[in-house]
C-alpha cells in the first residue's frame, strides 16, 4: 500500500485550508523563515505540515492548521498543530480548522492523531477537549515539557463539526 495522503484544499463553512505560501506570513504575523520551514516540510514530508486556513469571505490567512510527522516518546506520530493569527482569535477558527483537519486525516485512513500543547495554553486545551482528544500525560519535545493528547480513529466518538456560522455542534445522530 502506498503512502496515505490528505487531499488539499479542505473546506469548511468559513475556511479553505490549503498549502502555505510565503506571502501568508504577513497575514499570520509569523516570521517568513518559520513559514518557509513549514513550506519546506510540506515538500519534504509528502504534504504533511501546517497549512493556511484562509477566510472564505476575505481571502486572508487567519490561521495555520495541519498535521506534521513528529517523533514523540520514540514513536513516529502524526501531530495536530494550530496557530491562529492574533487578530483572528476568539472566532472559533481553531476549532473549525482543527476539526476539519482531524476528520480529513481519519477519512484518508490515518488511525491516530496526537496533539501537544503547553500546560498553560487554555485556548488549545479547550479546543482539544471539544474535539474529544484524550489526555495521555506529559512528554518532552525539543527540550520543553508538554501535555500530550491522542485521538484514535477507532473511537466510536466523532469530532464535532463546525456549523454554518462556525460554531461547534455535535454530529447528527442517525
N, C-alpha and C. Protein backbone atom coordinates (compact mmCIF):
# COMPACT_ATOMS: atom_id res chain seq x y z
N UNK A 1 0.84 -1.18 0.00
CA UNK A 1 0.00 0.00 0.00
C UNK A 1 0.88 1.24 0.00
N UNK A 2 0.53 2.24 -0.79
CA UNK A 2 1.31 3.48 -0.87
C UNK A 2 1.10 4.35 0.35
N UNK A 3 1.84 5.43 0.39
CA UNK A 3 1.75 6.40 1.48
C UNK A 3 0.36 7.05 1.48
N UNK A 4 -0.25 7.13 2.64
CA UNK A 4 -1.55 7.78 2.78
C UNK A 4 -1.33 9.28 2.74
N UNK A 5 -2.17 10.00 2.00
CA UNK A 5 -2.04 11.45 1.92
C UNK A 5 -3.40 12.10 2.16
N UNK A 6 -3.35 13.37 2.50
CA UNK A 6 -4.56 14.15 2.69
C UNK A 6 -4.66 15.13 1.53
N UNK A 7 -5.79 15.10 0.86
CA UNK A 7 -6.01 15.99 -0.28
C UNK A 7 -6.35 17.39 0.20
N UNK A 8 -5.68 18.37 -0.37
CA UNK A 8 -5.99 19.77 -0.10
C UNK A 8 -6.60 20.37 -1.37
N UNK A 9 -7.47 21.33 -1.27
CA UNK A 9 -7.88 22.01 -0.06
C UNK A 9 -8.91 21.22 0.75
N UNK A 10 -8.97 21.54 2.03
CA UNK A 10 -10.02 21.06 2.93
C UNK A 10 -10.93 22.27 3.14
N UNK A 11 -12.22 22.09 2.94
CA UNK A 11 -13.13 23.24 3.04
C UNK A 11 -14.09 23.08 4.20
N UNK A 12 -14.33 24.19 4.90
CA UNK A 12 -15.32 24.25 5.98
C UNK A 12 -16.29 25.37 5.64
N UNK A 13 -17.21 25.64 6.53
CA UNK A 13 -18.19 26.69 6.29
C UNK A 13 -17.52 28.05 6.07
N UNK A 14 -16.48 28.34 6.85
CA UNK A 14 -15.87 29.67 6.77
C UNK A 14 -14.43 29.68 6.28
N UNK A 15 -13.81 28.51 6.15
CA UNK A 15 -12.38 28.44 5.85
C UNK A 15 -12.08 27.52 4.68
N UNK A 16 -11.01 27.84 3.98
CA UNK A 16 -10.41 26.95 2.99
C UNK A 16 -8.99 26.69 3.47
N UNK A 17 -8.68 25.41 3.71
CA UNK A 17 -7.36 25.03 4.21
C UNK A 17 -6.54 24.55 3.02
N UNK A 18 -5.45 25.24 2.76
CA UNK A 18 -4.62 24.99 1.58
C UNK A 18 -3.15 25.06 1.97
N UNK A 19 -2.24 24.64 1.07
CA UNK A 19 -0.82 24.76 1.39
C UNK A 19 -0.43 26.22 1.67
N UNK A 20 0.52 26.38 2.58
CA UNK A 20 1.04 27.71 2.90
C UNK A 20 1.78 28.31 1.71
N UNK A 21 1.77 29.63 1.65
CA UNK A 21 2.60 30.39 0.71
C UNK A 21 3.40 31.39 1.55
N UNK A 22 4.55 31.76 1.07
CA UNK A 22 5.40 32.69 1.80
C UNK A 22 4.68 34.00 2.10
N UNK A 23 3.82 34.45 1.20
CA UNK A 23 3.12 35.72 1.43
C UNK A 23 2.05 35.63 2.52
N UNK A 24 1.77 34.42 3.04
CA UNK A 24 0.85 34.27 4.17
C UNK A 24 1.47 34.78 5.48
N UNK A 25 2.78 34.89 5.53
CA UNK A 25 3.47 35.28 6.77
C UNK A 25 2.93 36.60 7.31
N UNK A 26 2.68 37.57 6.45
CA UNK A 26 2.20 38.87 6.92
C UNK A 26 0.82 38.75 7.57
N UNK A 27 -0.13 38.07 6.90
CA UNK A 27 -1.47 37.90 7.48
C UNK A 27 -1.41 37.17 8.81
N UNK A 28 -0.54 36.18 8.90
CA UNK A 28 -0.46 35.33 10.09
C UNK A 28 0.41 35.93 11.18
N UNK A 29 1.09 37.02 10.86
CA UNK A 29 2.01 37.68 11.81
C UNK A 29 3.07 36.70 12.32
N UNK A 30 3.63 35.95 11.37
CA UNK A 30 4.68 34.98 11.66
C UNK A 30 5.91 35.32 10.83
N UNK A 31 7.11 35.01 11.34
CA UNK A 31 8.33 35.28 10.58
C UNK A 31 8.37 34.46 9.29
N UNK A 32 8.86 35.09 8.22
CA UNK A 32 8.94 34.40 6.93
C UNK A 32 9.79 33.14 7.00
N UNK A 33 10.87 33.16 7.80
CA UNK A 33 11.73 31.97 7.87
C UNK A 33 10.99 30.79 8.51
N UNK A 34 10.09 31.06 9.46
CA UNK A 34 9.31 29.99 10.07
C UNK A 34 8.28 29.44 9.07
N UNK A 35 7.66 30.33 8.31
CA UNK A 35 6.71 29.91 7.26
C UNK A 35 7.47 29.11 6.20
N UNK A 36 8.65 29.56 5.82
CA UNK A 36 9.48 28.83 4.84
C UNK A 36 9.78 27.42 5.34
N UNK A 37 10.07 27.26 6.64
CA UNK A 37 10.33 25.93 7.20
C UNK A 37 9.11 25.04 7.05
N UNK A 38 7.91 25.59 7.25
CA UNK A 38 6.68 24.81 7.10
C UNK A 38 6.45 24.44 5.64
N UNK A 39 6.76 25.35 4.73
CA UNK A 39 6.64 25.06 3.29
C UNK A 39 7.63 23.97 2.90
N UNK A 40 8.86 24.06 3.39
CA UNK A 40 9.88 23.03 3.11
C UNK A 40 9.44 21.68 3.67
N UNK A 41 8.88 21.68 4.87
CA UNK A 41 8.39 20.44 5.49
C UNK A 41 7.28 19.83 4.63
N UNK A 42 6.38 20.64 4.11
CA UNK A 42 5.30 20.20 3.23
C UNK A 42 5.89 19.45 2.03
N UNK A 43 6.90 20.03 1.42
CA UNK A 43 7.53 19.42 0.24
C UNK A 43 8.30 18.15 0.61
N UNK A 44 8.95 18.15 1.76
CA UNK A 44 9.77 17.01 2.20
C UNK A 44 8.94 15.85 2.72
N UNK A 45 7.82 16.15 3.41
CA UNK A 45 7.05 15.12 4.12
C UNK A 45 5.73 14.76 3.43
N UNK A 46 5.71 14.79 2.11
CA UNK A 46 4.53 14.33 1.38
C UNK A 46 3.26 15.12 1.66
N UNK A 47 3.41 16.42 1.84
CA UNK A 47 2.25 17.28 2.07
C UNK A 47 1.88 17.48 3.52
N UNK A 48 2.58 16.81 4.43
CA UNK A 48 2.28 16.97 5.85
C UNK A 48 3.05 18.16 6.40
N UNK A 49 2.32 19.09 6.96
CA UNK A 49 2.88 20.30 7.55
C UNK A 49 1.72 21.10 8.11
N UNK A 50 2.00 22.30 8.56
CA UNK A 50 0.92 23.22 8.86
C UNK A 50 0.52 23.87 7.54
N UNK A 51 -0.79 24.05 7.37
CA UNK A 51 -1.34 24.63 6.15
C UNK A 51 -2.01 25.96 6.50
N UNK A 52 -2.32 26.75 5.51
CA UNK A 52 -3.01 28.03 5.72
C UNK A 52 -4.51 27.77 5.81
N UNK A 53 -5.14 28.32 6.84
CA UNK A 53 -6.60 28.32 6.96
C UNK A 53 -7.05 29.72 6.56
N UNK A 54 -7.64 29.82 5.38
CA UNK A 54 -7.95 31.11 4.76
C UNK A 54 -9.45 31.40 4.91
N UNK A 55 -9.76 32.61 5.35
CA UNK A 55 -11.17 33.03 5.45
C UNK A 55 -11.78 33.08 4.05
N UNK A 56 -12.91 32.40 3.89
CA UNK A 56 -13.59 32.43 2.60
C UNK A 56 -13.98 33.85 2.22
N UNK A 57 -14.51 34.60 3.19
CA UNK A 57 -15.03 35.94 2.93
C UNK A 57 -13.95 36.91 2.47
N UNK A 58 -12.82 36.93 3.15
CA UNK A 58 -11.80 37.94 2.89
C UNK A 58 -10.64 37.44 2.03
N UNK A 59 -10.43 36.12 1.97
CA UNK A 59 -9.28 35.56 1.27
C UNK A 59 -7.99 35.68 2.06
N UNK A 60 -8.08 36.09 3.31
CA UNK A 60 -6.93 36.32 4.18
C UNK A 60 -6.62 35.06 5.00
N UNK A 61 -5.33 34.74 5.15
CA UNK A 61 -4.93 33.62 6.00
C UNK A 61 -5.16 34.03 7.46
N UNK A 62 -6.01 33.29 8.16
CA UNK A 62 -6.37 33.61 9.54
C UNK A 62 -5.68 32.68 10.54
N UNK A 63 -5.21 31.53 10.07
CA UNK A 63 -4.60 30.55 10.97
C UNK A 63 -3.72 29.60 10.18
N UNK A 64 -2.89 28.90 10.91
CA UNK A 64 -2.17 27.74 10.40
C UNK A 64 -2.80 26.54 11.08
N UNK A 65 -3.08 25.51 10.34
CA UNK A 65 -3.61 24.28 10.92
C UNK A 65 -3.13 23.13 10.05
N UNK A 66 -2.79 22.02 10.67
CA UNK A 66 -2.35 20.89 9.87
C UNK A 66 -1.80 19.77 10.71
N UNK A 67 -1.15 18.86 10.03
CA UNK A 67 -0.60 17.65 10.63
C UNK A 67 0.86 17.52 10.23
N UNK A 68 1.71 17.28 11.22
CA UNK A 68 3.13 17.12 10.97
C UNK A 68 3.60 15.81 11.58
N UNK A 69 4.53 15.16 10.89
CA UNK A 69 5.16 13.98 11.46
C UNK A 69 6.16 14.43 12.51
N UNK A 70 6.04 13.88 13.72
CA UNK A 70 6.94 14.21 14.82
C UNK A 70 7.36 12.92 15.52
N UNK A 71 8.55 12.93 16.12
CA UNK A 71 9.00 11.84 16.99
C UNK A 71 8.59 12.21 18.41
N UNK A 72 7.64 11.49 18.96
CA UNK A 72 7.15 11.76 20.31
C UNK A 72 7.34 10.49 21.13
N UNK A 73 8.15 10.59 22.16
CA UNK A 73 8.45 9.45 23.03
C UNK A 73 8.88 8.22 22.23
N UNK A 74 9.74 8.46 21.22
CA UNK A 74 10.31 7.37 20.44
C UNK A 74 9.39 6.79 19.38
N UNK A 75 8.26 7.40 19.15
CA UNK A 75 7.28 6.89 18.19
C UNK A 75 6.99 7.96 17.14
N UNK A 76 6.92 7.57 15.88
CA UNK A 76 6.56 8.50 14.81
C UNK A 76 5.06 8.75 14.90
N UNK A 77 4.69 10.01 15.13
CA UNK A 77 3.28 10.37 15.34
C UNK A 77 2.86 11.44 14.34
N UNK A 78 1.61 11.40 13.96
CA UNK A 78 1.00 12.45 13.16
C UNK A 78 0.38 13.44 14.14
N UNK A 79 0.98 14.61 14.24
CA UNK A 79 0.65 15.56 15.29
C UNK A 79 -0.11 16.76 14.74
N UNK A 80 -1.24 17.07 15.38
CA UNK A 80 -2.08 18.20 15.02
C UNK A 80 -1.46 19.49 15.54
N UNK A 81 -1.43 20.50 14.70
CA UNK A 81 -0.98 21.82 15.14
C UNK A 81 -1.93 22.88 14.63
N UNK A 82 -2.08 23.94 15.41
CA UNK A 82 -2.93 25.06 15.00
C UNK A 82 -2.43 26.33 15.68
N UNK A 83 -2.25 27.37 14.89
CA UNK A 83 -1.83 28.68 15.39
C UNK A 83 -2.73 29.71 14.72
N UNK A 84 -3.49 30.45 15.52
CA UNK A 84 -4.40 31.45 14.97
C UNK A 84 -3.73 32.83 15.02
N UNK A 85 -3.85 33.58 13.94
CA UNK A 85 -3.29 34.94 13.89
C UNK A 85 -3.89 35.76 15.03
N UNK A 86 -3.10 36.62 15.66
CA UNK A 86 -3.60 37.39 16.81
C UNK A 86 -4.90 38.13 16.57
N UNK A 87 -5.07 38.72 15.40
CA UNK A 87 -6.30 39.49 15.14
C UNK A 87 -7.47 38.63 14.68
N UNK A 88 -7.29 37.30 14.64
CA UNK A 88 -8.37 36.40 14.23
C UNK A 88 -8.80 35.47 15.37
N UNK A 89 -8.28 35.71 16.56
CA UNK A 89 -8.60 34.84 17.70
C UNK A 89 -10.02 35.08 18.20
N UNK A 90 -10.52 34.08 18.94
CA UNK A 90 -11.84 34.12 19.58
C UNK A 90 -12.98 34.16 18.57
N UNK A 91 -12.76 33.58 17.40
CA UNK A 91 -13.80 33.47 16.38
C UNK A 91 -14.16 32.02 16.07
N UNK A 92 -13.53 31.09 16.79
CA UNK A 92 -13.80 29.67 16.57
C UNK A 92 -13.00 29.05 15.45
N UNK A 93 -12.03 29.78 14.90
CA UNK A 93 -11.25 29.24 13.79
C UNK A 93 -10.39 28.05 14.19
N UNK A 94 -9.85 28.05 15.40
CA UNK A 94 -9.01 26.92 15.83
C UNK A 94 -9.82 25.64 15.88
N UNK A 95 -11.03 25.72 16.42
CA UNK A 95 -11.89 24.53 16.49
C UNK A 95 -12.32 24.10 15.10
N UNK A 96 -12.77 25.05 14.30
CA UNK A 96 -13.26 24.73 12.95
C UNK A 96 -12.17 24.10 12.09
N UNK A 97 -10.99 24.72 12.07
CA UNK A 97 -9.90 24.20 11.25
C UNK A 97 -9.38 22.86 11.79
N UNK A 98 -9.20 22.77 13.11
CA UNK A 98 -8.67 21.53 13.69
C UNK A 98 -9.63 20.36 13.50
N UNK A 99 -10.92 20.60 13.68
CA UNK A 99 -11.91 19.53 13.46
C UNK A 99 -11.86 19.04 12.02
N UNK A 100 -11.76 19.96 11.08
CA UNK A 100 -11.71 19.58 9.66
C UNK A 100 -10.45 18.79 9.34
N UNK A 101 -9.33 19.20 9.91
CA UNK A 101 -8.06 18.52 9.67
C UNK A 101 -8.10 17.10 10.24
N UNK A 102 -8.61 16.95 11.46
CA UNK A 102 -8.70 15.61 12.08
C UNK A 102 -9.65 14.72 11.27
N UNK A 103 -10.79 15.25 10.87
CA UNK A 103 -11.73 14.47 10.06
C UNK A 103 -11.09 14.04 8.74
N UNK A 104 -10.33 14.94 8.11
CA UNK A 104 -9.65 14.59 6.85
C UNK A 104 -8.61 13.50 7.07
N UNK A 105 -7.91 13.55 8.19
CA UNK A 105 -6.90 12.52 8.50
C UNK A 105 -7.56 11.15 8.62
N UNK A 106 -8.65 11.08 9.36
CA UNK A 106 -9.32 9.79 9.53
C UNK A 106 -9.97 9.32 8.24
N UNK A 107 -10.53 10.24 7.47
CA UNK A 107 -11.13 9.88 6.18
C UNK A 107 -10.07 9.34 5.21
N UNK A 108 -8.84 9.84 5.33
CA UNK A 108 -7.74 9.39 4.46
C UNK A 108 -7.18 8.04 4.89
N UNK A 109 -7.54 7.58 6.11
CA UNK A 109 -7.08 6.28 6.56
C UNK A 109 -6.09 6.30 7.71
N UNK A 110 -5.72 7.47 8.19
CA UNK A 110 -4.85 7.52 9.37
C UNK A 110 -5.64 7.04 10.58
N UNK A 111 -4.97 6.33 11.49
CA UNK A 111 -5.66 5.72 12.62
C UNK A 111 -5.51 6.47 13.93
N UNK A 112 -4.56 7.43 13.98
CA UNK A 112 -4.26 8.09 15.25
C UNK A 112 -3.70 9.48 14.96
N UNK A 113 -4.13 10.44 15.75
CA UNK A 113 -3.60 11.80 15.68
C UNK A 113 -3.26 12.22 17.11
N UNK A 114 -2.07 12.79 17.28
CA UNK A 114 -1.68 13.31 18.58
C UNK A 114 -1.75 14.84 18.56
N UNK A 115 -1.67 15.42 19.74
CA UNK A 115 -1.57 16.87 19.86
C UNK A 115 -0.79 17.17 21.13
N UNK A 116 0.17 18.09 21.03
CA UNK A 116 0.93 18.53 22.18
C UNK A 116 0.62 20.01 22.41
N UNK A 117 0.52 20.39 23.68
CA UNK A 117 0.32 21.80 23.99
C UNK A 117 0.93 22.13 25.34
N UNK A 118 1.22 23.39 25.51
CA UNK A 118 1.75 23.85 26.79
C UNK A 118 0.72 23.70 27.89
N UNK A 119 1.19 23.55 29.11
CA UNK A 119 0.31 23.35 30.26
C UNK A 119 -0.61 24.54 30.50
N UNK A 120 -0.16 25.73 30.11
CA UNK A 120 -0.94 26.94 30.37
C UNK A 120 -1.67 27.46 29.13
N UNK A 121 -1.73 26.67 28.07
CA UNK A 121 -2.39 27.11 26.83
C UNK A 121 -3.88 26.78 26.92
N UNK A 122 -4.61 27.64 27.62
CA UNK A 122 -6.04 27.39 27.87
C UNK A 122 -6.84 27.26 26.59
N UNK A 123 -6.53 28.07 25.58
CA UNK A 123 -7.28 28.01 24.32
C UNK A 123 -7.11 26.65 23.65
N UNK A 124 -5.88 26.15 23.57
CA UNK A 124 -5.63 24.85 22.94
C UNK A 124 -6.26 23.73 23.76
N UNK A 125 -6.15 23.80 25.07
CA UNK A 125 -6.76 22.78 25.93
C UNK A 125 -8.27 22.74 25.72
N UNK A 126 -8.89 23.91 25.56
CA UNK A 126 -10.33 24.00 25.31
C UNK A 126 -10.69 23.34 23.97
N UNK A 127 -9.94 23.66 22.92
CA UNK A 127 -10.21 23.09 21.60
C UNK A 127 -10.03 21.57 21.63
N UNK A 128 -8.95 21.08 22.24
CA UNK A 128 -8.71 19.63 22.29
C UNK A 128 -9.82 18.92 23.05
N UNK A 129 -10.35 19.55 24.08
CA UNK A 129 -11.50 18.99 24.79
C UNK A 129 -12.72 18.91 23.90
N UNK A 130 -13.00 19.97 23.16
CA UNK A 130 -14.14 19.98 22.23
C UNK A 130 -14.01 18.88 21.18
N UNK A 131 -12.78 18.64 20.75
CA UNK A 131 -12.54 17.64 19.70
C UNK A 131 -12.39 16.23 20.26
N UNK A 132 -12.60 16.09 21.57
CA UNK A 132 -12.58 14.80 22.25
C UNK A 132 -11.25 14.07 22.16
N UNK A 133 -10.17 14.84 22.20
CA UNK A 133 -8.85 14.24 22.36
C UNK A 133 -8.73 13.76 23.80
N UNK A 134 -8.03 12.66 24.01
CA UNK A 134 -7.86 12.07 25.33
C UNK A 134 -6.49 12.43 25.89
N UNK A 135 -6.43 12.96 27.12
CA UNK A 135 -5.12 13.25 27.73
C UNK A 135 -4.31 11.97 27.90
N UNK A 136 -3.03 12.04 27.56
CA UNK A 136 -2.13 10.88 27.67
C UNK A 136 -0.92 11.18 28.53
N UNK A 137 -1.02 12.20 29.38
CA UNK A 137 0.10 12.53 30.25
C UNK A 137 0.95 13.65 29.69
N UNK A 138 2.25 13.53 29.92
CA UNK A 138 3.19 14.57 29.53
C UNK A 138 4.26 13.98 28.62
N UNK A 139 4.91 14.87 27.88
CA UNK A 139 6.03 14.46 27.04
C UNK A 139 7.02 15.61 26.96
N UNK A 140 8.26 15.28 26.64
CA UNK A 140 9.27 16.30 26.37
C UNK A 140 9.52 16.31 24.88
N UNK A 141 9.43 17.49 24.29
CA UNK A 141 9.64 17.64 22.85
C UNK A 141 10.52 18.85 22.63
N UNK A 142 11.65 18.63 21.94
CA UNK A 142 12.62 19.69 21.67
C UNK A 142 12.98 20.46 22.94
N UNK A 143 13.16 19.70 24.03
CA UNK A 143 13.64 20.28 25.28
C UNK A 143 12.58 20.93 26.16
N UNK A 144 11.32 20.91 25.75
CA UNK A 144 10.25 21.51 26.55
C UNK A 144 9.22 20.46 26.94
N UNK A 145 8.58 20.67 28.09
CA UNK A 145 7.53 19.77 28.56
C UNK A 145 6.19 20.21 27.99
N UNK A 146 5.38 19.24 27.57
CA UNK A 146 4.06 19.49 27.01
C UNK A 146 3.06 18.49 27.57
N UNK A 147 1.79 18.85 27.52
CA UNK A 147 0.72 17.87 27.73
C UNK A 147 0.51 17.18 26.40
N UNK A 148 0.28 15.88 26.46
CA UNK A 148 0.09 15.07 25.26
C UNK A 148 -1.34 14.56 25.22
N UNK A 149 -1.96 14.66 24.05
CA UNK A 149 -3.33 14.19 23.82
C UNK A 149 -3.35 13.29 22.60
N UNK A 150 -4.32 12.37 22.56
CA UNK A 150 -4.45 11.44 21.44
C UNK A 150 -5.92 11.35 21.04
N UNK A 151 -6.13 11.23 19.76
CA UNK A 151 -7.46 10.94 19.21
C UNK A 151 -7.27 9.75 18.29
N UNK A 152 -8.03 8.70 18.53
CA UNK A 152 -7.90 7.44 17.80
C UNK A 152 -9.09 7.29 16.86
N UNK A 153 -8.84 6.92 15.62
CA UNK A 153 -9.91 6.75 14.64
C UNK A 153 -10.86 5.63 15.05
N UNK A 154 -10.40 4.69 15.86
CA UNK A 154 -11.27 3.58 16.27
C UNK A 154 -12.28 3.99 17.33
N UNK A 155 -12.07 5.19 17.91
CA UNK A 155 -13.06 5.67 18.89
C UNK A 155 -14.42 5.73 18.22
N UNK A 156 -15.44 5.41 18.98
CA UNK A 156 -16.79 5.49 18.43
C UNK A 156 -17.27 6.92 18.38
N UNK A 157 -16.59 7.78 19.12
CA UNK A 157 -16.94 9.19 19.09
C UNK A 157 -16.54 9.78 17.75
N UNK A 158 -17.19 10.87 17.40
CA UNK A 158 -16.84 11.59 16.19
C UNK A 158 -16.56 13.03 16.58
N UNK A 159 -15.54 13.63 15.99
CA UNK A 159 -15.21 15.01 16.33
C UNK A 159 -16.37 15.92 15.98
N UNK A 160 -16.62 16.94 16.78
CA UNK A 160 -17.67 17.91 16.45
C UNK A 160 -17.41 18.54 15.09
N UNK A 161 -18.49 18.90 14.42
CA UNK A 161 -18.37 19.57 13.14
C UNK A 161 -18.73 21.04 13.31
N UNK A 162 -18.14 21.86 12.47
CA UNK A 162 -18.46 23.28 12.53
C UNK A 162 -19.77 23.52 11.79
N UNK A 163 -20.63 24.33 12.38
CA UNK A 163 -21.90 24.67 11.73
C UNK A 163 -21.67 25.77 10.71
N UNK A 164 -22.71 26.17 10.01
CA UNK A 164 -22.63 27.24 9.02
C UNK A 164 -22.05 28.52 9.63
N UNK A 165 -22.44 28.83 10.85
CA UNK A 165 -21.97 30.07 11.47
C UNK A 165 -20.57 29.88 12.07
N UNK A 166 -20.06 28.67 12.02
CA UNK A 166 -18.73 28.41 12.54
C UNK A 166 -18.74 27.91 13.97
N UNK A 167 -19.90 27.89 14.63
CA UNK A 167 -19.99 27.34 15.97
C UNK A 167 -19.86 25.83 15.90
N UNK A 168 -19.54 25.22 16.99
CA UNK A 168 -19.37 23.77 17.01
C UNK A 168 -20.64 23.13 17.49
N UNK A 169 -21.03 22.07 16.82
CA UNK A 169 -22.21 21.32 17.23
C UNK A 169 -21.85 19.83 17.16
N UNK A 170 -22.51 19.02 17.95
CA UNK A 170 -22.23 17.58 17.87
C UNK A 170 -22.71 17.03 16.54
N UNK A 171 -22.13 15.92 16.07
CA UNK A 171 -22.59 15.33 14.82
C UNK A 171 -24.03 14.84 14.94
N UNK A 172 -24.72 14.84 13.82
CA UNK A 172 -26.09 14.36 13.79
C UNK A 172 -26.12 12.88 14.11
N UNK A 173 -27.11 12.44 14.84
CA UNK A 173 -27.27 11.03 15.18
C UNK A 173 -28.30 10.40 14.25
N UNK A 174 -28.01 9.18 13.80
CA UNK A 174 -28.98 8.51 12.93
C UNK A 174 -29.96 7.70 13.72
